[in-house]
């Protein structure tokens, strides 16, 4: 049982097509790598203090605005609430 080309072509013809396809894939991968190397993203862990608000929706908005000043947020969490100072300690991971 050998390699049988599906379109009736020769084995050499099929191997040439595979080589061409592999070359195209390589070129695409290299171009993508160069694109991302030109604009590298780095991740940073940040901590911020946000004043507590009247509603949870306002708090979320305040947290997102504060974090956006540092970069594009990947995730964030309220780590601690200080009821005396009426603040929330926020920890986040952002990209720049």
Protein backbone atom coordinates (compact mmCIF):
# COMPACT_ATOMS: atom_id res chain seq x y z
CA UNK A 1 0.00 0.00 0.00
CA UNK A 2 1.74 3.15 -1.23
CA UNK A 3 1.00 6.85 -1.48
CA UNK A 4 -1.77 7.39 -4.04
CA UNK A 5 -2.40 10.97 -5.19
CA UNK A 6 -6.13 11.72 -5.04
CA UNK A 7 -6.30 13.74 -8.27
CA UNK A 8 -4.52 11.18 -10.37
CA UNK A 9 -1.26 13.20 -10.45
CA UNK A 10 2.19 11.89 -9.78
CA UNK A 11 3.74 11.59 -6.37
CA UNK A 12 6.32 14.24 -7.32
CA UNK A 13 3.50 16.61 -8.30
CA UNK A 14 1.80 16.11 -4.91
CA UNK A 15 5.06 16.59 -3.02
CA UNK A 16 5.68 19.83 -4.93
CA UNK A 17 2.23 21.07 -3.91
CA UNK A 18 2.93 20.17 -0.27
CA UNK A 19 6.27 21.99 -0.40
CA UNK A 20 4.58 25.09 -1.84
CA UNK A 21 1.92 24.99 0.85
CA UNK A 22 4.53 24.57 3.58
CA UNK A 23 6.48 27.55 2.20
CA UNK A 24 3.35 29.73 2.21
CA UNK A 25 2.58 28.73 5.80
CA UNK A 26 6.14 29.56 6.81
CA UNK A 27 5.94 33.00 5.17
CA UNK A 28 2.66 33.77 6.96
CA UNK A 29 4.07 32.69 10.32
CA UNK A 30 7.25 34.75 9.86
CA UNK A 31 5.23 37.84 8.90
CA UNK A 32 3.01 37.45 11.98
CA UNK A 33 6.04 37.03 14.21
CA UNK A 34 7.64 40.18 12.79
CA UNK A 35 4.43 42.12 13.27
CA UNK A 36 4.18 41.21 16.94
CA UNK A 37 7.89 41.81 17.55
CA UNK A 38 7.51 45.32 16.18
CA UNK A 39 4.77 46.02 18.75
CA UNK A 40 5.56 43.86 21.76
CA UNK A 41 2.99 43.80 24.54
CA UNK A 42 4.16 43.52 28.08
CA UNK A 43 2.02 42.61 31.04
CA UNK A 44 2.18 44.51 34.30
CA UNK A 45 0.68 43.90 37.73
CA UNK A 46 -0.76 47.09 39.19
CA UNK A 47 -2.42 48.06 42.42
CA UNK A 48 -4.70 51.07 42.87
CA UNK A 49 -6.93 52.59 45.49
CA UNK A 50 -10.41 53.61 44.38
CA UNK A 51 -12.98 55.51 46.47
CA UNK A 52 -16.14 53.56 47.27
CA UNK A 53 -19.24 54.71 45.41
CA UNK A 54 -22.98 54.68 46.01
CA UNK A 55 -23.68 51.75 43.67
CA UNK A 56 -21.73 48.70 42.47
CA UNK A 57 -22.13 49.90 38.86
CA UNK A 58 -20.45 53.21 39.69
CA UNK A 59 -17.66 51.34 41.49
CA UNK A 60 -17.02 49.14 38.46
CA UNK A 61 -16.88 52.21 36.23
CA UNK A 62 -14.46 53.97 38.62
CA UNK A 63 -12.22 50.88 38.78
CA UNK A 64 -12.17 50.49 34.98
CA UNK A 65 -11.33 54.18 34.47
CA UNK A 66 -8.51 54.02 37.02
CA UNK A 67 -7.03 50.87 35.49
CA UNK A 68 -7.33 52.20 31.92
CA UNK A 69 -4.82 54.93 32.85
CA UNK A 70 -2.20 52.19 33.33
CA UNK A 71 -2.91 50.12 30.20
CA UNK A 72 -5.39 47.69 28.70
CA UNK A 73 -6.83 45.53 31.49
CA UNK A 74 -6.67 41.75 31.18
CA UNK A 75 -8.27 41.15 34.56
CA UNK A 76 -8.87 42.95 37.82
CA UNK A 77 -10.21 42.26 41.30
CA UNK A 78 -11.05 44.14 44.44
CA UNK A 79 -8.58 42.74 46.94
CA UNK A 80 -9.51 44.74 50.03
CA UNK A 81 -12.11 47.24 51.23
CA UNK A 82 -11.24 49.81 53.87
CA UNK A 83 -14.52 50.88 55.45
CA UNK A 84 -12.86 53.56 57.58
CA UNK A 85 -11.23 55.32 54.58
CA UNK A 86 -14.13 54.29 52.28
CA UNK A 87 -11.74 52.92 49.62
CA UNK A 88 -11.29 49.71 47.68
CA UNK A 89 -7.84 48.27 46.97
CA UNK A 90 -7.81 47.01 43.38
CA UNK A 91 -5.25 44.64 41.85
CA UNK A 92 -5.05 44.25 38.08
CA UNK A 93 -3.03 42.83 35.23
CA UNK A 94 -2.70 45.17 32.26
CA UNK A 95 -0.88 45.20 28.94
CA UNK A 96 1.02 48.17 27.58
